[in-house]
Amino acid sequence: MTDPALRDDWCDTPHPARLSPDHPRAAEIMSRHRAAVDARLPTYPDPVSGFSVFTAAFLAKRDYCCESGCRHCPYEI
């Protein structure tokens, strides 16, 4: 099985089906994501649900797509 390629904008743009640019807290979510990536943390707390969300950097480093519908999946799916 060949894993999909990384998207060109994999670190800065979440999959649109998993976080709409129109989401009322999209800017805050992306700010939290960027802070976690910059701090080299694998996750950040979602401001709406409180759940931990994997960063795109963590998912890319893992080197495969788990097909779980991750918000920041870096792969072309």
PDB file of N, CA and C in Angstrom:
ATOM      1  N   MET A   1       0.846  -1.186   0.000  1.00  0.00           N
ATOM      2  CA  MET A   1       0.000   0.000   0.000  1.00  0.00           C
ATOM      3  C   MET A   1       0.884   1.239   0.000  1.00  0.00           C
ATOM      4  N   THR A   2       0.639   2.148  -0.914  1.00  0.00           N
ATOM      5  CA  THR A   2       1.391   3.388  -1.007  1.00  0.00           C
ATOM      6  C   THR A   2       0.605   4.501  -0.320  1.00  0.00           C
ATOM      7  N   ASP A   3       1.280   5.206   0.569  1.00  0.00           N
ATOM      8  CA  ASP A   3       0.625   6.315   1.249  1.00  0.00           C
ATOM      9  C   ASP A   3       0.495   7.499   0.302  1.00  0.00           C
ATOM     10  N   PRO A   4      -0.540   8.302   0.486  1.00  0.00           N
ATOM     11  CA  PRO A   4      -0.723   9.465  -0.381  1.00  0.00           C
ATOM     12  C   PRO A   4       0.376  10.498  -0.164  1.00  0.00           C
ATOM     13  N   ALA A   5       0.547  11.374  -1.142  1.00  0.00           N
ATOM     14  CA  ALA A   5       1.543  12.442  -1.060  1.00  0.00           C
ATOM     15  C   ALA A   5       1.052  13.552  -0.139  1.00  0.00           C
ATOM     16  N   LEU A   6       1.998  14.306   0.402  1.00  0.00           N
ATOM     17  CA  LEU A   6       1.634  15.467   1.210  1.00  0.00           C
ATOM     18  C   LEU A   6       1.024  16.537   0.307  1.00  0.00           C
ATOM     19  N   ARG A   7      -0.011  17.226   0.819  1.00  0.00           N
ATOM     20  CA  ARG A   7      -0.600  18.349   0.096  1.00  0.00           C
ATOM     21  C   ARG A   7       0.401  19.504   0.083  1.00  0.00           C
ATOM     22  N   ASP A   8       0.334  20.371  -0.911  1.00  0.00           N
ATOM     23  CA  ASP A   8       1.240  21.521  -0.996  1.00  0.00           C
ATOM     24  C   ASP A   8       1.106  22.437   0.221  1.00  0.00           C
ATOM     25  N   ASP A   9      -0.106  22.612   0.725  1.00  0.00           N
ATOM     26  CA  ASP A   9      -0.377  23.534   1.828  1.00  0.00           C
ATOM     27  C   ASP A   9      -0.627  22.793   3.141  1.00  0.00           C
ATOM     28  N   TRP A  10      -0.009  21.613   3.272  1.00  0.00           N
ATOM     29  CA  TRP A  10      -0.351  20.684   4.352  1.00  0.00           C
ATOM     30  C   TRP A  10      -0.235  21.257   5.756  1.00  0.00           C
ATOM     31  N   CYS A  11       0.668  22.154   6.010  1.00  0.00           N
ATOM     32  CA  CYS A  11       0.847  22.636   7.381  1.00  0.00           C
ATOM     33  C   CYS A  11      -0.025  23.844   7.704  1.00  0.00           C
ATOM     34  N   ASP A  12      -0.414  24.599   6.703  1.00  0.00           N
ATOM     35  CA  ASP A  12      -1.120  25.852   6.956  1.00  0.00           C
ATOM     36  C   ASP A  12      -2.607  25.832   6.657  1.00  0.00           C
ATOM     37  N   THR A  13      -3.090  24.794   5.991  1.00  0.00           N
ATOM     38  CA  THR A  13      -4.497  24.749   5.611  1.00  0.00           C
ATOM     39  C   THR A  13      -5.089  23.399   5.968  1.00  0.00           C
ATOM     40  N   PRO A  14      -6.084  23.372   6.848  1.00  0.00           N
ATOM     41  CA  PRO A  14      -6.723  22.106   7.176  1.00  0.00           C
ATOM     42  C   PRO A  14      -7.574  21.607   6.012  1.00  0.00           C
ATOM     43  N   HIS A  15      -7.886  20.351   6.039  1.00  0.00           N
ATOM     44  CA  HIS A  15      -8.761  19.796   5.014  1.00  0.00           C
ATOM     45  C   HIS A  15     -10.098  20.549   5.092  1.00  0.00           C
ATOM     46  N   PRO A  16     -10.575  21.145   3.979  1.00  0.00           N
ATOM     47  CA  PRO A  16     -11.787  21.981   4.032  1.00  0.00           C
ATOM     48  C   PRO A  16     -13.042  21.245   4.480  1.00  0.00           C
ATOM     49  N   ALA A  17     -13.100  19.947   4.264  1.00  0.00           N
ATOM     50  CA  ALA A  17     -14.271  19.182   4.724  1.00  0.00           C
ATOM     51  C   ALA A  17     -14.228  18.947   6.238  1.00  0.00           C
ATOM     52  N   ARG A  18     -13.068  19.222   6.846  1.00  0.00           N
ATOM     53  CA  ARG A  18     -12.905  18.941   8.276  1.00  0.00           C
ATOM     54  C   ARG A  18     -12.823  20.201   9.118  1.00  0.00           C
ATOM     55  N   LEU A  19     -12.544  21.333   8.475  1.00  0.00           N
ATOM     56  CA  LEU A  19     -12.630  22.636   9.125  1.00  0.00           C
ATOM     57  C   LEU A  19     -12.916  23.658   8.041  1.00  0.00           C
ATOM     58  N   SER A  20     -14.150  24.067   7.982  1.00  0.00           N
ATOM     59  CA  SER A  20     -14.569  25.042   6.981  1.00  0.00           C
ATOM     60  C   SER A  20     -13.918  26.393   7.253  1.00  0.00           C
ATOM     61  N   PRO A  21     -13.490  27.084   6.206  1.00  0.00           N
ATOM     62  CA  PRO A  21     -12.973  28.442   6.406  1.00  0.00           C
ATOM     63  C   PRO A  21     -14.026  29.370   7.001  1.00  0.00           C
ATOM     64  N   ASP A  22     -15.298  28.990   6.888  1.00  0.00           N
ATOM     65  CA  ASP A  22     -16.397  29.790   7.428  1.00  0.00           C
ATOM     66  C   ASP A  22     -16.732  29.454   8.876  1.00  0.00           C
ATOM     67  N   HIS A  23     -16.039  28.477   9.460  1.00  0.00           N
ATOM     68  CA  HIS A  23     -16.296  28.110  10.854  1.00  0.00           C
ATOM     69  C   HIS A  23     -16.107  29.359  11.713  1.00  0.00           C
ATOM     70  N   PRO A  24     -17.026  29.633  12.640  1.00  0.00           N
ATOM     71  CA  PRO A  24     -16.932  30.873  13.424  1.00  0.00           C
ATOM     72  C   PRO A  24     -15.659  31.003  14.259  1.00  0.00           C
ATOM     73  N   ARG A  25     -14.978  29.890  14.533  1.00  0.00           N
ATOM     74  CA  ARG A  25     -13.755  29.956  15.335  1.00  0.00           C
ATOM     75  C   ARG A  25     -12.536  29.455  14.560  1.00  0.00           C
ATOM     76  N   ALA A  26     -12.630  29.485  13.227  1.00  0.00           N
ATOM     77  CA  ALA A  26     -11.534  28.981  12.381  1.00  0.00           C
ATOM     78  C   ALA A  26     -10.222  29.704  12.663  1.00  0.00           C
ATOM     79  N   ALA A  27     -10.244  31.009  12.805  1.00  0.00           N
ATOM     80  CA  ALA A  27      -9.008  31.764  13.057  1.00  0.00           C
ATOM     81  C   ALA A  27      -8.380  31.345  14.387  1.00  0.00           C
ATOM     82  N   GLU A  28      -9.193  31.183  15.405  1.00  0.00           N
ATOM     83  CA  GLU A  28      -8.676  30.759  16.712  1.00  0.00           C
ATOM     84  C   GLU A  28      -8.111  29.343  16.634  1.00  0.00           C
ATOM     85  N   ILE A  29      -8.818  28.457  15.952  1.00  0.00           N
ATOM     86  CA  ILE A  29      -8.352  27.082  15.796  1.00  0.00           C
ATOM     87  C   ILE A  29      -7.011  27.053  15.081  1.00  0.00           C
ATOM     88  N   MET A  30      -6.885  27.802  14.005  1.00  0.00           N
ATOM     89  CA  MET A  30      -5.633  27.818  13.253  1.00  0.00           C
ATOM     90  C   MET A  30      -4.509  28.491  14.043  1.00  0.00           C
ATOM     91  N   SER A  31      -4.838  29.457  14.862  1.00  0.00           N
ATOM     92  CA  SER A  31      -3.839  30.086  15.727  1.00  0.00           C
ATOM     93  C   SER A  31      -3.318  29.070  16.746  1.00  0.00           C
ATOM     94  N   ARG A  32      -4.212  28.288  17.317  1.00  0.00           N
ATOM     95  CA  ARG A  32      -3.800  27.247  18.262  1.00  0.00           C
ATOM     96  C   ARG A  32      -2.956  26.189  17.554  1.00  0.00           C
ATOM     97  N   HIS A  33      -3.360  25.834  16.342  1.00  0.00           N
ATOM     98  CA  HIS A  33      -2.595  24.856  15.565  1.00  0.00           C
ATOM     99  C   HIS A  33      -1.185  25.384  15.309  1.00  0.00           C
ATOM    100  N   ARG A  34      -1.053  26.600  14.848  1.00  0.00           N
ATOM    101  CA  ARG A  34       0.251  27.185  14.542  1.00  0.00           C
ATOM    102  C   ARG A  34       1.119  27.241  15.796  1.00  0.00           C
ATOM    103  N   ALA A  35       0.535  27.631  16.934  1.00  0.00           N
ATOM    104  CA  ALA A  35       1.301  27.696  18.184  1.00  0.00           C
ATOM    105  C   ALA A  35       1.807  26.310  18.581  1.00  0.00           C
ATOM    106  N   ALA A  36       0.988  25.293  18.416  1.00  0.00           N
ATOM    107  CA  ALA A  36       1.406  23.928  18.747  1.00  0.00           C
ATOM    108  C   ALA A  36       2.502  23.452  17.806  1.00  0.00           C
ATOM    109  N   VAL A  37       2.365  23.746  16.507  1.00  0.00           N
ATOM    110  CA  VAL A  37       3.401  23.356  15.535  1.00  0.00           C
ATOM    111  C   VAL A  37       4.716  24.065  15.886  1.00  0.00           C
ATOM    112  N   ASP A  38       4.655  25.360  16.162  1.00  0.00           N
ATOM    113  CA  ASP A  38       5.859  26.128  16.487  1.00  0.00           C
ATOM    114  C   ASP A  38       6.531  25.608  17.760  1.00  0.00           C
ATOM    115  N   ALA A  39       5.720  25.128  18.708  1.00  0.00           N
ATOM    116  CA  ALA A  39       6.250  24.595  19.964  1.00  0.00           C
ATOM    117  C   ALA A  39       6.615  23.115  19.850  1.00  0.00           C
ATOM    118  N   ARG A  40       6.425  22.559  18.659  1.00  0.00           N
ATOM    119  CA  ARG A  40       6.709  21.143  18.392  1.00  0.00           C
ATOM    120  C   ARG A  40       5.884  20.197  19.275  1.00  0.00           C
ATOM    121  N   LEU A  41       4.641  20.604  19.515  1.00  0.00           N
ATOM    122  CA  LEU A  41       3.712  19.767  20.277  1.00  0.00           C
ATOM    123  C   LEU A  41       2.907  18.908  19.305  1.00  0.00           C
ATOM    124  N   PRO A  42       2.549  17.691  19.680  1.00  0.00           N
ATOM    125  CA  PRO A  42       1.799  16.826  18.774  1.00  0.00           C
ATOM    126  C   PRO A  42       0.316  17.181  18.668  1.00  0.00           C
ATOM    127  N   THR A  43      -0.214  17.869  19.677  1.00  0.00           N
ATOM    128  CA  THR A  43      -1.642  18.190  19.700  1.00  0.00           C
ATOM    129  C   THR A  43      -1.860  19.594  20.263  1.00  0.00           C
ATOM    130  N   TYR A  44      -3.107  20.052  20.101  1.00  0.00           N
ATOM    131  CA  TYR A  44      -3.558  21.277  20.749  1.00  0.00           C
ATOM    132  C   TYR A  44      -4.999  21.048  21.172  1.00  0.00           C
ATOM    133  N   PRO A  45      -5.495  21.768  22.184  1.00  0.00           N
ATOM    134  CA  PRO A  45      -6.888  21.589  22.614  1.00  0.00           C
ATOM    135  C   PRO A  45      -7.844  22.350  21.691  1.00  0.00           C
ATOM    136  N   ASP A  46      -8.845  21.644  21.192  1.00  0.00           N
ATOM    137  CA  ASP A  46      -9.870  22.288  20.364  1.00  0.00           C
ATOM    138  C   ASP A  46     -10.655  23.252  21.245  1.00  0.00           C
ATOM    139  N   PRO A  47     -10.811  24.524  20.826  1.00  0.00           N
ATOM    140  CA  PRO A  47     -11.506  25.493  21.671  1.00  0.00           C
ATOM    141  C   PRO A  47     -13.010  25.251  21.796  1.00  0.00           C
ATOM    142  N   VAL A  48     -13.573  24.443  20.919  1.00  0.00           N
ATOM    143  CA  VAL A  48     -15.005  24.174  20.970  1.00  0.00           C
ATOM    144  C   VAL A  48     -15.300  22.938  21.821  1.00  0.00           C
ATOM    145  N   SER A  49     -14.638  21.831  21.506  1.00  0.00           N
ATOM    146  CA  SER A  49     -14.935  20.563  22.182  1.00  0.00           C
ATOM    147  C   SER A  49     -14.036  20.277  23.376  1.00  0.00           C
ATOM    148  N   GLY A  50     -12.833  20.875  23.385  1.00  0.00           N
ATOM    149  CA  GLY A  50     -11.866  20.566  24.426  1.00  0.00           C
ATOM    150  C   GLY A  50     -11.036  19.325  24.130  1.00  0.00           C
ATOM    151  N   PHE A  51     -11.379  18.601  23.057  1.00  0.00           N
ATOM    152  CA  PHE A  51     -10.624  17.405  22.677  1.00  0.00           C
ATOM    153  C   PHE A  51      -9.251  17.791  22.144  1.00  0.00           C
ATOM    154  N   SER A  52      -8.299  16.875  22.255  1.00  0.00           N
ATOM    155  CA  SER A  52      -6.981  17.073  21.664  1.00  0.00           C
ATOM    156  C   SER A  52      -7.053  16.797  20.172  1.00  0.00           C
ATOM    157  N   VAL A  53      -6.418  17.666  19.396  1.00  0.00           N
ATOM    158  CA  VAL A  53      -6.401  17.547  17.942  1.00  0.00           C
ATOM    159  C   VAL A  53      -4.944  17.422  17.496  1.00  0.00           C
ATOM    160  N   PHE A  54      -4.643  16.411  16.688  1.00  0.00           N
ATOM    161  CA  PHE A  54      -3.283  16.249  16.174  1.00  0.00           C
ATOM    162  C   PHE A  54      -2.940  17.380  15.218  1.00  0.00           C
ATOM    163  N   THR A  55      -1.689  17.820  15.273  1.00  0.00           N
ATOM    164  CA  THR A  55      -1.224  18.834  14.325  1.00  0.00           C
ATOM    165  C   THR A  55      -0.829  18.174  13.008  1.00  0.00           C
ATOM    166  N   ALA A  56      -0.799  18.970  11.964  1.00  0.00           N
ATOM    167  CA  ALA A  56      -0.364  18.476  10.654  1.00  0.00           C
ATOM    168  C   ALA A  56       1.082  18.007  10.713  1.00  0.00           C
ATOM    169  N   ALA A  57       1.920  18.703  11.485  1.00  0.00           N
ATOM    170  CA  ALA A  57       3.328  18.315  11.588  1.00  0.00           C
ATOM    171  C   ALA A  57       3.465  16.933  12.219  1.00  0.00           C
ATOM    172  N   PHE A  58       2.698  16.670  13.268  1.00  0.00           N
ATOM    173  CA  PHE A  58       2.737  15.345  13.899  1.00  0.00           C
ATOM    174  C   PHE A  58       2.277  14.270  12.920  1.00  0.00           C
ATOM    175  N   LEU A  59       1.182  14.551  12.223  1.00  0.00           N
ATOM    176  CA  LEU A  59       0.636  13.562  11.289  1.00  0.00           C
ATOM    177  C   LEU A  59       1.588  13.299  10.129  1.00  0.00           C
ATOM    178  N   ALA A  60       2.268  14.338   9.646  1.00  0.00           N
ATOM    179  CA  ALA A  60       3.231  14.158   8.555  1.00  0.00           C
ATOM    180  C   ALA A  60       4.441  13.363   9.032  1.00  0.00           C
ATOM    181  N   LYS A  61       4.898  13.645  10.240  1.00  0.00           N
ATOM    182  CA  LYS A  61       6.053  12.927  10.790  1.00  0.00           C
ATOM    183  C   LYS A  61       5.729  11.444  10.992  1.00  0.00           C
ATOM    184  N   ARG A  62       4.486  11.146  11.300  1.00  0.00           N
ATOM    185  CA  ARG A  62       4.050   9.754  11.485  1.00  0.00           C
ATOM    186  C   ARG A  62       4.189   8.967  10.186  1.00  0.00           C
ATOM    187  N   ASP A  63       4.096   9.675   9.064  1.00  0.00           N
ATOM    188  CA  ASP A  63       4.420   9.127   7.740  1.00  0.00           C
ATOM    189  C   ASP A  63       3.389   8.172   7.140  1.00  0.00           C
ATOM    190  N   TYR A  64       2.145   8.278   7.569  1.00  0.00           N
ATOM    191  CA  TYR A  64       1.076   7.525   6.919  1.00  0.00           C
ATOM    192  C   TYR A  64      -0.265   8.160   7.268  1.00  0.00           C
ATOM    193  N   CYS A  65      -1.252   7.932   6.425  1.00  0.00           N
ATOM    194  CA  CYS A  65      -2.609   8.404   6.680  1.00  0.00           C
ATOM    195  C   CYS A  65      -3.377   7.289   7.374  1.00  0.00           C
ATOM    196  N   CYS A  66      -3.984   7.597   8.493  1.00  0.00           N
ATOM    197  CA  CYS A  66      -4.738   6.599   9.256  1.00  0.00           C
ATOM    198  C   CYS A  66      -6.183   6.479   8.788  1.00  0.00           C
ATOM    199  N   GLU A  67      -6.589   7.383   7.893  1.00  0.00           N
ATOM    200  CA  GLU A  67      -7.943   7.388   7.335  1.00  0.00           C
ATOM    201  C   GLU A  67      -9.020   7.551   8.404  1.00  0.00           C
ATOM    202  N   SER A  68      -8.696   8.341   9.450  1.00  0.00           N
ATOM    203  CA  SER A  68      -9.656   8.596  10.525  1.00  0.00           C
ATOM    204  C   SER A  68     -10.358   9.943  10.389  1.00  0.00           C
ATOM    205  N   GLY A  69     -10.030  10.695   9.332  1.00  0.00           N
ATOM    206  CA  GLY A  69     -10.677  11.990   9.140  1.00  0.00           C
ATOM    207  C   GLY A  69     -10.082  13.100   9.983  1.00  0.00           C
ATOM    208  N   CYS A  70      -8.777  13.060  10.195  1.00  0.00           N
ATOM    209  CA  CYS A  70      -8.109  14.076  11.015  1.00  0.00           C
ATOM    210  C   CYS A  70      -8.277  15.474  10.404  1.00  0.00           C
ATOM    211  N   ARG A  71      -8.519  16.452  11.255  1.00  0.00           N
ATOM    212  CA  ARG A  71      -8.720  17.833  10.804  1.00  0.00           C
ATOM    213  C   ARG A  71      -7.536  18.357  10.006  1.00  0.00           C
ATOM    214  N   HIS A  72      -6.343  18.062  10.458  1.00  0.00           N
ATOM    215  CA  HIS A  72      -5.141  18.606   9.822  1.00  0.00           C
ATOM    216  C   HIS A  72      -4.384  17.552   9.022  1.00  0.00           C
ATOM    217  N   CYS A  73      -5.096  16.573   8.482  1.00  0.00           N
ATOM    218  CA  CYS A  73      -4.441  15.534   7.693  1.00  0.00           C
ATOM    219  C   CYS A  73      -3.616  16.185   6.591  1.00  0.00           C
ATOM    220  N   PRO A  74      -2.316  15.890   6.545  1.00  0.00           N
ATOM    221  CA  PRO A  74      -1.460  16.536   5.563  1.00  0.00           C
ATOM    222  C   PRO A  74      -1.441  15.859   4.198  1.00  0.00           C
ATOM    223  N   TYR A  75      -2.159  14.777   4.066  1.00  0.00           N
ATOM    224  CA  TYR A  75      -2.076  13.966   2.846  1.00  0.00           C
ATOM    225  C   TYR A  75      -3.169  14.299   1.840  1.00  0.00           C
ATOM    226  N   GLU A  76      -2.860  14.059   0.570  1.00  0.00           N
ATOM    227  CA  GLU A  76      -3.846  14.210  -0.493  1.00  0.00           C
ATOM    228  C   GLU A  76      -4.777  13.016  -0.408  1.00  0.00           C
ATOM    229  N   ILE A  77      -5.990  13.263  -0.008  1.00  0.00           N
ATOM    230  CA  ILE A  77      -6.951  12.163   0.158  1.00  0.00           C
ATOM    231  C   ILE A  77      -8.193  12.388  -0.652  1.00  0.00           C
TER     232      ILE A  77
END
